[in-house]
Amino acid sequence: MALVEKEIISFLKKNIEPLKDETYGDGYRVSVYLTDGTFLPCVIFRNSKKTIELAKKRFKEEIKGRGILRNMAGGGYNEIVKTFVTEGNRISSYNIAKVEASKYAFPFSVIKQIHGETVMSLTVFAAKMKDGKYLGFKTNFSAEFFDMPENYSVEDIVEIINHSFVMPNGELRTREDGVYDLPDGFFESVAYEARPYFECYLDKL
């Protein structure tokens, strides 16, 4: 049986720390079960208002030829509409039977420590855990959810070391300041990657 929206919103407000996002609005990161039993470990709930406003703004810019895709052959209007209406992973609230905390969602206090590109379009960092060990992570764009080994949880993270990676023997290596080439040994390092996620929009959230 599907949950009603007010039940979902009540759970999110009481149990989930929102991830601040000036562009798309606060996101509540969870795991959900659908009514057919499908488990989705990474889902973000948002209010739709900011996304709708952004879409309308981008549509208007592209129609007037002032958008970021204006130099595309044939104009960018069709492409920007396509981006908003056909791309991304989305689910509807009426298909959700259960919502719970996601073990792949880093606390906001941890995400705030992750910054900068290690090299173009790639951010690499290490997390120091409560037992003193280091885990390596990497992402191309997003930091909403990350894979985690079974014997650790996001609550075990005590420190983020940016632009660092972890070798198979557990050794931590850090890129020198001002150097943007990947250091020796990087391709042998062990890193957990950002996970893909679904979005669900609730107008009353």
Protein backbone atom coordinates (compact mmCIF):
# COMPACT_ATOMS: atom_id res chain seq x y z
CA MET A 1 0.00 0.00 0.00
CA ALA A 2 1.33 3.41 -0.95
CA LEU A 3 2.06 6.06 1.63
CA VAL A 4 0.17 9.32 1.39
CA GLU A 5 2.26 12.44 0.82
CA LYS A 6 1.67 13.85 4.31
CA GLU A 7 3.10 10.63 5.83
CA ILE A 8 6.23 10.93 3.69
CA ILE A 9 6.64 14.62 4.51
CA SER A 10 6.16 13.97 8.24
CA PHE A 11 8.89 11.31 8.20
CA LEU A 12 11.30 13.53 6.26
CA LYS A 13 10.79 16.55 8.51
CA LYS A 14 11.23 14.53 11.71
CA ASN A 15 14.10 12.24 10.72
CA ILE A 16 16.14 13.53 7.77
CA GLU A 17 18.61 16.41 7.69
CA PRO A 18 18.00 18.46 4.51
CA LEU A 19 20.85 18.92 2.06
CA LYS A 20 20.99 22.63 1.23
CA ASP A 21 20.88 23.48 -2.48
CA GLU A 22 20.39 27.05 -3.69
CA THR A 23 19.58 25.94 -7.25
CA TYR A 24 17.11 23.10 -6.76
CA GLY A 25 16.03 23.61 -3.16
CA ASP A 26 16.59 21.54 -0.03
CA GLY A 27 16.86 17.81 -0.68
CA TYR A 28 15.92 15.04 1.73
CA ARG A 29 18.04 11.97 1.02
CA VAL A 30 16.58 8.56 1.86
CA SER A 31 15.98 5.01 0.71
CA VAL A 32 12.52 3.88 -0.37
CA TYR A 33 10.54 0.74 -1.10
CA LEU A 34 8.04 0.92 -3.95
CA THR A 35 4.63 -0.71 -3.79
CA ASP A 36 5.89 -3.68 -5.86
CA GLY A 37 8.73 -4.31 -3.37
CA THR A 38 11.48 -2.66 -5.43
CA PHE A 39 14.16 -1.15 -3.17
CA LEU A 40 15.79 2.14 -4.20
CA PRO A 41 18.72 2.90 -1.88
CA CYS A 42 19.25 6.50 -3.03
CA VAL A 43 16.31 8.89 -3.43
CA ILE A 44 16.06 12.67 -2.97
CA PHE A 45 12.77 14.35 -2.13
CA ARG A 46 12.35 18.01 -3.07
CA ASN A 47 9.69 20.65 -3.44
CA SER A 48 9.18 21.26 -7.17
CA LYS A 49 9.03 25.07 -6.98
CA LYS A 50 12.70 25.91 -7.63
CA THR A 51 13.04 23.35 -10.42
CA ILE A 52 9.95 24.74 -12.19
CA GLU A 53 11.23 28.30 -11.82
CA LEU A 54 14.64 27.30 -13.18
CA ALA A 55 13.06 25.52 -16.16
CA LYS A 56 10.89 28.53 -17.02
CA LYS A 57 13.94 30.82 -16.80
CA ARG A 58 16.06 28.58 -19.02
CA PHE A 59 13.25 28.17 -21.57
CA LYS A 60 12.84 31.94 -21.79
CA GLU A 61 16.59 32.51 -22.19
CA GLU A 62 16.91 29.96 -24.98
CA ILE A 63 13.87 31.28 -26.86
CA LYS A 64 15.45 34.74 -26.84
CA GLY A 65 18.84 33.34 -27.89
CA ARG A 66 20.57 34.29 -24.66
CA GLY A 67 20.83 30.85 -23.08
CA ILE A 68 23.87 28.65 -22.44
CA LEU A 69 22.97 26.45 -25.45
CA ARG A 70 22.39 29.31 -27.90
CA ASN A 71 25.32 28.32 -30.15
CA MET A 72 24.03 24.81 -30.81
CA ALA A 73 22.96 23.98 -34.35
CA GLY A 74 19.26 24.72 -34.62
CA GLY A 75 19.26 26.61 -31.33
CA GLY A 76 19.21 25.39 -27.78
CA TYR A 77 15.50 25.58 -26.93
CA ASN A 78 14.70 21.97 -27.80
CA GLU A 79 17.77 20.74 -25.94
CA ILE A 80 16.98 22.65 -22.76
CA VAL A 81 13.37 21.38 -22.81
CA LYS A 82 14.70 17.86 -23.35
CA THR A 83 17.02 18.25 -20.35
CA PHE A 84 14.16 19.10 -18.02
CA VAL A 85 11.48 16.73 -19.26
CA THR A 86 13.32 13.57 -20.40
CA GLU A 87 16.56 13.35 -18.41
CA GLY A 88 17.15 12.28 -14.84
CA ASN A 89 15.72 9.46 -12.72
CA ARG A 90 12.31 10.23 -11.21
CA ILE A 91 9.65 8.40 -9.25
CA SER A 92 6.12 9.38 -8.24
CA SER A 93 5.09 9.56 -4.59
CA TYR A 94 2.02 7.36 -5.17
CA ASN A 95 4.36 4.43 -5.94
CA ILE A 96 6.16 4.64 -2.56
CA ALA A 97 5.29 2.18 0.20
CA LYS A 98 8.06 2.88 2.73
CA VAL A 99 10.73 5.52 3.41
CA GLU A 100 13.85 5.08 5.56
CA ALA A 101 17.23 6.69 6.13
CA SER A 102 19.86 5.93 3.47
CA LYS A 103 23.19 4.49 4.56
CA TYR A 104 24.78 6.12 1.51
CA ALA A 105 23.93 9.74 2.39
CA PHE A 106 26.85 11.65 3.91
CA PRO A 107 25.82 14.10 6.67
CA PHE A 108 25.66 17.72 5.49
CA SER A 109 28.53 18.59 7.86
CA VAL A 110 30.71 16.10 5.94
CA ILE A 111 29.61 17.21 2.47
CA LYS A 112 30.53 20.81 3.31
CA GLN A 113 34.15 19.68 3.75
CA ILE A 114 34.37 18.32 0.18
CA HIS A 115 35.46 20.98 -2.29
CA GLY A 116 37.35 21.71 -5.49
CA GLU A 117 38.29 19.64 -8.52
CA THR A 118 41.36 17.47 -8.11
CA VAL A 119 41.67 17.45 -11.89
CA MET A 120 39.16 18.65 -14.47
CA SER A 121 35.72 17.11 -13.79
CA LEU A 122 37.04 14.83 -11.05
CA THR A 123 37.07 15.35 -7.30
CA VAL A 124 39.02 12.87 -5.21
CA PHE A 125 39.10 12.83 -1.42
CA ALA A 126 39.72 10.56 1.54
CA ALA A 127 37.68 10.11 4.69
CA LYS A 128 39.33 9.33 8.01
CA MET A 129 37.21 6.92 10.01
CA LYS A 130 36.77 6.57 13.77
CA ASP A 131 39.16 3.59 13.85
CA GLY A 132 41.92 5.67 12.20
CA LYS A 133 41.68 4.02 8.76
CA TYR A 134 41.20 5.96 5.53
CA LEU A 135 38.67 5.32 2.78
CA GLY A 136 39.06 6.84 -0.67
CA PHE A 137 36.20 8.41 -2.65
CA LYS A 138 35.78 10.03 -6.05
CA THR A 139 33.05 11.80 -8.00
CA ASN A 140 32.65 13.55 -11.33
CA PHE A 141 29.82 15.86 -10.34
CA SER A 142 27.58 14.83 -7.45
CA ALA A 143 28.13 14.33 -3.73
CA GLU A 144 24.61 13.38 -2.65
CA PHE A 145 25.30 9.65 -2.13
CA PHE A 146 28.47 7.53 -2.00
CA ASP A 147 29.15 3.82 -1.91
CA MET A 148 30.34 2.59 1.49
CA PRO A 149 31.92 -0.72 2.55
CA GLU A 150 29.63 -2.94 4.61
CA ASN A 151 31.68 -2.62 7.81
CA TYR A 152 31.47 1.20 7.92
CA SER A 153 28.70 3.77 8.07
CA VAL A 154 28.62 7.46 7.23
CA GLU A 155 28.53 8.16 10.97
CA ASP A 156 32.07 6.73 11.25
CA ILE A 157 33.56 9.64 9.25
CA VAL A 158 35.55 12.04 11.42
CA GLU A 159 37.49 14.04 8.82
CA ILE A 160 37.65 14.73 5.07
CA ILE A 161 41.06 15.13 3.41
CA ASN A 162 40.53 16.76 0.01
CA HIS A 163 42.51 15.83 -3.14
CA SER A 164 43.79 12.66 -1.47
CA PHE A 165 43.60 8.99 -2.38
CA VAL A 166 44.12 5.66 -0.64
CA MET A 167 46.38 2.89 -1.87
CA PRO A 168 45.39 -0.81 -1.58
CA ASN A 169 47.62 -1.13 1.52
CA GLY A 170 45.74 1.72 3.23
CA GLU A 171 48.43 4.36 2.63
CA LEU A 172 47.09 7.90 2.26
CA ARG A 173 48.55 10.04 -0.52
CA THR A 174 47.74 13.71 -1.04
CA ARG A 175 48.17 15.82 -4.14
CA GLU A 176 50.54 18.73 -3.60
CA ASP A 177 49.03 22.22 -3.57
CA GLY A 178 49.21 23.90 -6.98
CA VAL A 179 49.76 20.61 -8.81
CA TYR A 180 46.79 19.39 -10.85
CA ASP A 181 48.24 16.32 -12.54
CA LEU A 182 47.19 12.99 -11.07
CA PRO A 183 49.98 11.75 -8.76
CA ASP A 184 51.90 8.53 -9.26
CA GLY A 185 49.92 5.55 -8.06
CA PHE A 186 46.51 7.16 -8.52
CA PHE A 187 45.22 4.52 -10.94
CA GLU A 188 46.12 1.79 -8.46
CA SER A 189 44.25 3.50 -5.63
CA VAL A 190 41.00 2.24 -4.14
CA ALA A 191 37.99 4.59 -4.25
CA TYR A 192 34.27 4.37 -3.61
CA GLU A 193 32.22 6.30 -6.13
CA ALA A 194 29.20 8.58 -6.03
CA ARG A 195 25.98 6.62 -6.49
CA PRO A 196 23.20 7.48 -8.95
CA TYR A 197 19.91 8.48 -7.38
CA PHE A 198 16.23 9.06 -8.06
CA GLU A 199 14.26 12.24 -7.40
CA CYS A 200 10.71 12.60 -6.14
CA TYR A 201 8.91 15.95 -6.00
CA LEU A 202 6.40 16.82 -3.27
CA ASP A 203 4.73 20.20 -3.68
CA LYS A 204 3.96 20.53 0.04
CA LEU A 205 7.46 19.64 1.25
